[in-house]
Amino acid sequence: MKFKHLLLILLLPVSLNSPAQVASPEGLVHWLGFEEAMELNENQPKAILIDFYTDWCGWCKKMMATTYSDPVIAGYINANFYPIKFNAETRDSIHYNDTVYANQGVGKRPTHDLAIQFLGGKLTYPTTLFLNNNFQFKLMVPGYLDLQQIEPLLVYTVENVYFTTGYNDFKYYYDKAYHDTSAVRDTAHVNWLTLEDAIAKARKEPRKIVVVLQTKWCNGCKTMMNSTFNNPVIADYLNKEFYPVYFDAESEDSLMFQGKLFVKNTQNGNMFHQFALAATQFKLILPSVLFISPTEQVITPVPYYMTPENLEPVLNYFLNDKYTTEKWEEFRKKFEGKVVR
């Protein structure tokens, strides 16, 4: 299968025909200076991408001419990151965290002190640093990154996948879902229902309802749908033990739940359906798996992307009501799953 872009811009549309899409030597990314990006991040936090390069680095120039000149990749970065192009050998002084960093001019190719600090002394160029959550998340990737390599890194950082999943695990399933790899794609199928149909079935034959809250633009959601829910163990579990529901959190359809009518209310710039907001106590995180009792009582939402290995014990925990008698940490330690890569 030929490589195909899967990223959807979360915030800003990008016109592929606009004059701004003509690549420059710095690509199509709207690069910021270090101090400028830090100031913007203080007022409106975002993920941060830092491209560490040098003037003599050929692979740095190639990455600018290819990866950062791709309209979809550049558009996603511009919409969701504060991107910084940082010359690791710059002679400029930079103020950061109440300290002034400079280039001491030591050696044939002297390195700026700030680059040394961020790279931990591992001076490989290019190196791309992905940061989020007020720098609590940090992922450093040395070397040239092509389109297929950088794409899951961007999603992993922006959509907070790191809260639940290690990067190598996420990349494995991302590639398995979308790209040619040595892994064989799973083709199991979940028999998705509407929420109304699931409730009607639960009244006749009581089972818990599992609602998967997603949107069409959520890349972590798409990855989970095309890998986690295609896993034969997970699909079989959902089809036999639950009433599985796929719900678009931006749906335009109205629905009845707990005797109340829920609709999509777009006032005040809101983009989500009232049901998705109310069921998650107005703390909607995408993707989320929502557990509902046969009597329409919301048990809990479980947020963020999950691999099949992560989702299987969660399903078991709620199916067998272990959540009422046992702490999750204790249950997870002794759970033996059936999911095999």
Foldseek 3Di string as FASTA:
>chain_A
DDDDDDADADADDFDCPDPLLPQDLQASAPADAPVVQVVVCVVPNFKAKEWEAAPPDPLQSVLRVAVRSDRRNRSNCNRGYRYHYHHQQDQDWDDDPNDIWGFPPPDPRTGTPVCCVLVVNPDAPGKMWIAHDVRPDIDIGHDHAHNLRCVLVSLCRRQVQVVADDSVVLSVLQCLQGHDDPDDFFAADAPADAPVVQLVVCVVPNAKEKEKEAAPNRPLQSSCVRHQCSQPVNRVCCRPGHHYHYDYQQDQDWDAAPNDIWGDDCPPNDRGTPVQCVLAVNPHRPTWIWIAGSVRHTPHIHHHHDHNVRVVLVSVCVSVVVVVPDDPVVSVVPDDDDDDD
